[in-house]
Amino acid sequence: MLGERFHQGLRAGIVAAAATLGVLIGFGTVRGAALRPLNGIAHTVFGTRAYLMHGFDPAVTLAALVIHVGSVVAWGVIFALLAGRLRGTRLVAAALLYAGVVALVDRLLVPPALI
């Protein structure tokens, strides 16, 4: 049972990571620098240099991918483990509450250097 929930969270996290990567690249494309929003995620490792990378940089872009996909998949697995038994309206309510908690954790508990 626990293994199945883990795999559900893994799958959901991968889908969410792919979707949000598409959004980031779409935002960048509209502004003429497709990978700049994605590269910015790597500022936790590379500092300001990551914000300045408009295109593909092997170190910065790959680090950003690992950070983004890893964090989104981790949040997906945690949610699946916590809410795996829920269905219907309760699942939707739990997902909304969880999204709020994740946003609060990101804003209030994560050190500013990592945001």
N, C-alpha and C. Protein backbone atom coordinates (compact mmCIF):
# COMPACT_ATOMS: atom_id res chain seq x y z
N MET A 1 0.83 -1.18 0.00
CA MET A 1 0.00 0.00 0.00
C MET A 1 0.88 1.25 0.00
N LEU A 2 1.85 1.32 0.90
CA LEU A 2 2.72 2.49 0.99
C LEU A 2 3.54 2.65 -0.28
N GLY A 3 3.99 1.53 -0.82
CA GLY A 3 4.76 1.57 -2.07
C GLY A 3 3.94 2.10 -3.23
N GLU A 4 2.66 1.71 -3.28
CA GLU A 4 1.78 2.18 -4.34
C GLU A 4 1.55 3.69 -4.21
N ARG A 5 1.36 4.17 -3.00
CA ARG A 5 1.19 5.62 -2.79
C ARG A 5 2.45 6.38 -3.21
N PHE A 6 3.59 5.82 -2.87
CA PHE A 6 4.86 6.44 -3.26
C PHE A 6 4.93 6.56 -4.78
N HIS A 7 4.61 5.49 -5.48
CA HIS A 7 4.66 5.50 -6.94
C HIS A 7 3.63 6.46 -7.53
N GLN A 8 2.45 6.56 -6.92
CA GLN A 8 1.46 7.53 -7.38
C GLN A 8 2.00 8.95 -7.24
N GLY A 9 2.62 9.23 -6.10
CA GLY A 9 3.20 10.55 -5.88
C GLY A 9 4.34 10.83 -6.84
N LEU A 10 5.13 9.82 -7.12
CA LEU A 10 6.23 9.96 -8.07
C LEU A 10 5.70 10.31 -9.46
N ARG A 11 4.67 9.58 -9.89
CA ARG A 11 4.07 9.86 -11.20
C ARG A 11 3.45 11.25 -11.25
N ALA A 12 2.70 11.60 -10.21
CA ALA A 12 2.07 12.93 -10.17
C ALA A 12 3.13 14.03 -10.14
N GLY A 13 4.19 13.83 -9.38
CA GLY A 13 5.26 14.81 -9.32
C GLY A 13 5.97 14.99 -10.65
N ILE A 14 6.18 13.91 -11.37
CA ILE A 14 6.83 13.99 -12.68
C ILE A 14 5.95 14.75 -13.66
N VAL A 15 4.66 14.48 -13.64
CA VAL A 15 3.73 15.21 -14.52
C VAL A 15 3.71 16.69 -14.16
N ALA A 16 3.64 16.99 -12.86
CA ALA A 16 3.63 18.39 -12.41
C ALA A 16 4.94 19.08 -12.77
N ALA A 17 6.05 18.40 -12.62
CA ALA A 17 7.35 18.99 -12.97
C ALA A 17 7.42 19.27 -14.46
N ALA A 18 6.95 18.34 -15.28
CA ALA A 18 6.96 18.56 -16.74
C ALA A 18 6.06 19.74 -17.12
N ALA A 19 4.90 19.81 -16.50
CA ALA A 19 3.98 20.91 -16.81
C ALA A 19 4.56 22.26 -16.41
N THR A 20 5.14 22.34 -15.23
CA THR A 20 5.69 23.61 -14.77
C THR A 20 6.96 23.98 -15.55
N LEU A 21 7.73 22.99 -15.97
CA LEU A 21 8.88 23.28 -16.83
C LEU A 21 8.41 23.89 -18.15
N GLY A 22 7.33 23.34 -18.69
CA GLY A 22 6.76 23.90 -19.92
C GLY A 22 6.31 25.33 -19.74
N VAL A 23 5.71 25.62 -18.60
CA VAL A 23 5.27 26.99 -18.31
C VAL A 23 6.48 27.92 -18.21
N LEU A 24 7.50 27.50 -17.48
CA LEU A 24 8.70 28.34 -17.34
C LEU A 24 9.33 28.63 -18.70
N ILE A 25 9.45 27.62 -19.52
CA ILE A 25 10.05 27.80 -20.85
C ILE A 25 9.14 28.66 -21.72
N GLY A 26 7.83 28.49 -21.58
CA GLY A 26 6.89 29.33 -22.33
C GLY A 26 7.01 30.79 -21.94
N PHE A 27 7.09 31.07 -20.64
CA PHE A 27 7.28 32.46 -20.18
C PHE A 27 8.58 33.03 -20.74
N GLY A 28 9.63 32.22 -20.72
CA GLY A 28 10.90 32.70 -21.24
C GLY A 28 10.86 32.93 -22.73
N THR A 29 10.19 32.07 -23.46
CA THR A 29 10.08 32.21 -24.91
C THR A 29 9.38 33.51 -25.28
N VAL A 30 8.32 33.83 -24.57
CA VAL A 30 7.58 35.07 -24.83
C VAL A 30 8.49 36.28 -24.65
N ARG A 31 9.44 36.19 -23.75
CA ARG A 31 10.33 37.31 -23.47
C ARG A 31 11.67 37.21 -24.20
N GLY A 32 11.79 36.24 -25.10
CA GLY A 32 12.98 36.15 -25.93
C GLY A 32 14.16 35.39 -25.33
N ALA A 33 13.97 34.75 -24.20
CA ALA A 33 15.05 33.98 -23.57
C ALA A 33 14.42 32.74 -22.93
N ALA A 34 14.22 31.71 -23.73
CA ALA A 34 13.44 30.54 -23.32
C ALA A 34 13.88 29.92 -22.00
N LEU A 35 15.16 29.83 -21.75
CA LEU A 35 15.63 29.12 -20.56
C LEU A 35 15.92 30.02 -19.37
N ARG A 36 15.79 31.33 -19.53
CA ARG A 36 16.14 32.23 -18.43
C ARG A 36 15.32 31.97 -17.16
N PRO A 37 13.99 31.80 -17.24
CA PRO A 37 13.25 31.53 -16.00
C PRO A 37 13.67 30.21 -15.34
N LEU A 38 13.94 29.21 -16.14
CA LEU A 38 14.41 27.92 -15.60
C LEU A 38 15.78 28.09 -14.98
N ASN A 39 16.70 28.73 -15.68
CA ASN A 39 18.05 28.91 -15.17
C ASN A 39 18.07 29.66 -13.85
N GLY A 40 17.12 30.57 -13.66
CA GLY A 40 17.05 31.34 -12.42
C GLY A 40 16.89 30.47 -11.19
N ILE A 41 16.31 29.31 -11.35
CA ILE A 41 16.13 28.39 -10.23
C ILE A 41 17.48 27.98 -9.64
N ALA A 42 18.50 27.93 -10.46
CA ALA A 42 19.82 27.50 -10.01
C ALA A 42 20.57 28.58 -9.24
N HIS A 43 19.92 29.70 -8.94
CA HIS A 43 20.61 30.75 -8.18
C HIS A 43 21.03 30.28 -6.80
N THR A 44 20.36 29.24 -6.29
CA THR A 44 20.73 28.72 -4.98
C THR A 44 22.12 28.08 -5.01
N VAL A 45 22.55 27.67 -6.19
CA VAL A 45 23.87 27.05 -6.35
C VAL A 45 24.88 28.02 -6.95
N PHE A 46 24.44 28.80 -7.96
CA PHE A 46 25.35 29.63 -8.74
C PHE A 46 25.22 31.13 -8.47
N GLY A 47 24.32 31.51 -7.61
CA GLY A 47 24.14 32.93 -7.31
C GLY A 47 23.59 33.70 -8.49
N THR A 48 23.99 34.96 -8.60
CA THR A 48 23.48 35.86 -9.63
C THR A 48 23.75 35.36 -11.03
N ARG A 49 24.80 34.61 -11.21
CA ARG A 49 25.15 34.08 -12.54
C ARG A 49 23.96 33.36 -13.17
N ALA A 50 23.20 32.62 -12.36
CA ALA A 50 22.07 31.87 -12.89
C ALA A 50 20.99 32.78 -13.47
N TYR A 51 20.77 33.93 -12.83
CA TYR A 51 19.77 34.87 -13.32
C TYR A 51 20.16 35.47 -14.67
N LEU A 52 21.44 35.52 -14.95
CA LEU A 52 21.93 36.16 -16.17
C LEU A 52 22.02 35.23 -17.36
N MET A 53 21.82 33.93 -17.16
CA MET A 53 21.94 32.95 -18.24
C MET A 53 20.65 32.92 -19.05
N HIS A 54 20.73 33.38 -20.29
CA HIS A 54 19.55 33.43 -21.16
C HIS A 54 19.32 32.12 -21.91
N GLY A 55 20.38 31.40 -22.20
CA GLY A 55 20.28 30.16 -22.97
C GLY A 55 20.78 28.97 -22.16
N PHE A 56 21.05 27.89 -22.88
CA PHE A 56 21.50 26.66 -22.23
C PHE A 56 22.94 26.81 -21.74
N ASP A 57 23.14 26.51 -20.49
CA ASP A 57 24.47 26.42 -19.90
C ASP A 57 24.50 25.06 -19.22
N PRO A 58 25.44 24.19 -19.58
CA PRO A 58 25.41 22.83 -19.03
C PRO A 58 25.29 22.77 -17.51
N ALA A 59 26.06 23.55 -16.81
CA ALA A 59 26.04 23.49 -15.35
C ALA A 59 24.77 24.12 -14.77
N VAL A 60 24.48 25.32 -15.21
CA VAL A 60 23.35 26.07 -14.63
C VAL A 60 22.02 25.42 -14.99
N THR A 61 21.81 25.13 -16.26
CA THR A 61 20.52 24.58 -16.69
C THR A 61 20.28 23.19 -16.10
N LEU A 62 21.30 22.34 -16.06
CA LEU A 62 21.12 21.01 -15.49
C LEU A 62 20.88 21.08 -13.98
N ALA A 63 21.57 21.97 -13.29
CA ALA A 63 21.33 22.16 -11.86
C ALA A 63 19.91 22.64 -11.62
N ALA A 64 19.45 23.57 -12.44
CA ALA A 64 18.08 24.08 -12.30
C ALA A 64 17.06 22.95 -12.52
N LEU A 65 17.30 22.12 -13.51
CA LEU A 65 16.40 20.98 -13.77
C LEU A 65 16.36 20.04 -12.57
N VAL A 66 17.51 19.71 -12.03
CA VAL A 66 17.56 18.80 -10.88
C VAL A 66 16.84 19.40 -9.67
N ILE A 67 17.08 20.68 -9.40
CA ILE A 67 16.44 21.34 -8.26
C ILE A 67 14.93 21.39 -8.46
N HIS A 68 14.49 21.83 -9.63
CA HIS A 68 13.06 21.98 -9.88
C HIS A 68 12.34 20.63 -9.87
N VAL A 69 12.81 19.70 -10.66
CA VAL A 69 12.15 18.39 -10.74
C VAL A 69 12.22 17.69 -9.39
N GLY A 70 13.35 17.74 -8.72
CA GLY A 70 13.47 17.09 -7.42
C GLY A 70 12.50 17.64 -6.39
N SER A 71 12.38 18.95 -6.34
CA SER A 71 11.47 19.53 -5.33
C SER A 71 10.01 19.26 -5.66
N VAL A 72 9.63 19.39 -6.93
CA VAL A 72 8.22 19.14 -7.29
C VAL A 72 7.86 17.67 -7.08
N VAL A 73 8.74 16.78 -7.45
CA VAL A 73 8.47 15.35 -7.24
C VAL A 73 8.40 15.03 -5.74
N ALA A 74 9.28 15.63 -4.95
CA ALA A 74 9.24 15.39 -3.50
C ALA A 74 7.91 15.85 -2.91
N TRP A 75 7.44 17.05 -3.29
CA TRP A 75 6.15 17.53 -2.79
C TRP A 75 5.02 16.60 -3.24
N GLY A 76 5.11 16.07 -4.46
CA GLY A 76 4.09 15.14 -4.96
C GLY A 76 4.06 13.85 -4.17
N VAL A 77 5.22 13.32 -3.86
CA VAL A 77 5.30 12.08 -3.08
C VAL A 77 4.76 12.30 -1.67
N ILE A 78 5.13 13.41 -1.05
CA ILE A 78 4.62 13.70 0.30
C ILE A 78 3.10 13.78 0.29
N PHE A 79 2.54 14.47 -0.70
CA PHE A 79 1.08 14.58 -0.76
C PHE A 79 0.43 13.20 -0.95
N ALA A 80 0.98 12.40 -1.83
CA ALA A 80 0.41 11.07 -2.06
C ALA A 80 0.46 10.22 -0.81
N LEU A 81 1.53 10.32 -0.04
CA LEU A 81 1.64 9.55 1.19
C LEU A 81 0.63 10.03 2.24
N LEU A 82 0.39 11.34 2.27
CA LEU A 82 -0.55 11.89 3.26
C LEU A 82 -2.01 11.73 2.87
N ALA A 83 -2.31 11.85 1.58
CA ALA A 83 -3.70 11.89 1.14
C ALA A 83 -4.08 10.72 0.24
N GLY A 84 -3.31 9.66 0.27
CA GLY A 84 -3.54 8.53 -0.62
C GLY A 84 -4.88 7.85 -0.51
N ARG A 85 -5.52 7.92 0.64
CA ARG A 85 -6.81 7.26 0.82
C ARG A 85 -8.00 8.14 0.46
N LEU A 86 -7.77 9.42 0.29
CA LEU A 86 -8.87 10.35 0.04
C LEU A 86 -9.37 10.24 -1.39
N ARG A 87 -10.66 10.54 -1.57
CA ARG A 87 -11.29 10.52 -2.89
C ARG A 87 -12.26 11.68 -2.98
N GLY A 88 -12.62 12.06 -4.19
CA GLY A 88 -13.67 13.04 -4.42
C GLY A 88 -13.39 14.41 -3.83
N THR A 89 -14.42 14.97 -3.20
CA THR A 89 -14.35 16.31 -2.65
C THR A 89 -13.28 16.44 -1.57
N ARG A 90 -13.13 15.40 -0.78
CA ARG A 90 -12.10 15.44 0.27
C ARG A 90 -10.70 15.52 -0.30
N LEU A 91 -10.49 14.83 -1.41
CA LEU A 91 -9.19 14.88 -2.06
C LEU A 91 -8.92 16.29 -2.62
N VAL A 92 -9.93 16.88 -3.25
CA VAL A 92 -9.78 18.24 -3.79
C VAL A 92 -9.50 19.22 -2.66
N ALA A 93 -10.24 19.11 -1.57
CA ALA A 93 -10.03 20.00 -0.43
C ALA A 93 -8.64 19.82 0.16
N ALA A 94 -8.20 18.57 0.27
CA ALA A 94 -6.86 18.30 0.80
C ALA A 94 -5.79 18.87 -0.13
N ALA A 95 -6.00 18.76 -1.43
CA ALA A 95 -5.03 19.28 -2.39
C ALA A 95 -4.93 20.80 -2.29
N LEU A 96 -6.06 21.47 -2.13
CA LEU A 96 -6.05 22.93 -1.99
C LEU A 96 -5.36 23.34 -0.69
N LEU A 97 -5.67 22.65 0.38
CA LEU A 97 -5.03 22.94 1.67
C LEU A 97 -3.53 22.68 1.58
N TYR A 98 -3.15 21.59 0.96
CA TYR A 98 -1.74 21.23 0.81
C TYR A 98 -1.00 22.29 -0.01
N ALA A 99 -1.62 22.76 -1.08
CA ALA A 99 -1.00 23.80 -1.90
C ALA A 99 -0.75 25.05 -1.06
N GLY A 100 -1.70 25.39 -0.21
CA GLY A 100 -1.51 26.54 0.67
C GLY A 100 -0.38 26.33 1.66
N VAL A 101 -0.30 25.13 2.22
CA VAL A 101 0.77 24.82 3.16
C VAL A 101 2.13 24.87 2.47
N VAL A 102 2.21 24.32 1.28
CA VAL A 102 3.47 24.34 0.52
C VAL A 102 3.89 25.79 0.24
N ALA A 103 2.94 26.63 -0.14
CA ALA A 103 3.26 28.04 -0.40
C ALA A 103 3.76 28.72 0.88
N LEU A 104 3.12 28.44 2.01
CA LEU A 104 3.57 29.02 3.27
C LEU A 104 4.96 28.52 3.66
N VAL A 105 5.20 27.24 3.48
CA VAL A 105 6.52 26.69 3.79
C VAL A 105 7.58 27.37 2.92
N ASP A 106 7.28 27.51 1.62
CA ASP A 106 8.24 28.15 0.72
C ASP A 106 8.51 29.59 1.11
N ARG A 107 7.50 30.31 1.56
CA ARG A 107 7.67 31.74 1.88
C ARG A 107 8.15 32.01 3.30
N LEU A 108 7.73 31.17 4.25
CA LEU A 108 8.03 31.47 5.65
C LEU A 108 9.16 30.64 6.26
N LEU A 109 9.33 29.42 5.82
CA LEU A 109 10.31 28.54 6.45
C LEU A 109 11.59 28.35 5.66
N VAL A 110 11.50 28.43 4.34
CA VAL A 110 12.69 28.24 3.52
C VAL A 110 13.53 29.52 3.57
N PRO A 111 14.81 29.41 3.83
CA PRO A 111 15.66 30.61 3.89
C PRO A 111 15.59 31.39 2.57
N PRO A 112 15.60 32.73 2.65
CA PRO A 112 15.49 33.56 1.44
C PRO A 112 16.52 33.22 0.35
N ALA A 113 17.68 32.77 0.74
CA ALA A 113 18.70 32.43 -0.25
C ALA A 113 18.29 31.24 -1.11
N LEU A 114 17.35 30.43 -0.64
CA LEU A 114 16.92 29.26 -1.39
C LEU A 114 15.66 29.50 -2.20
N ILE A 115 15.05 30.66 -2.06
CA ILE A 115 13.81 30.95 -2.79
C ILE A 115 14.13 31.63 -4.10
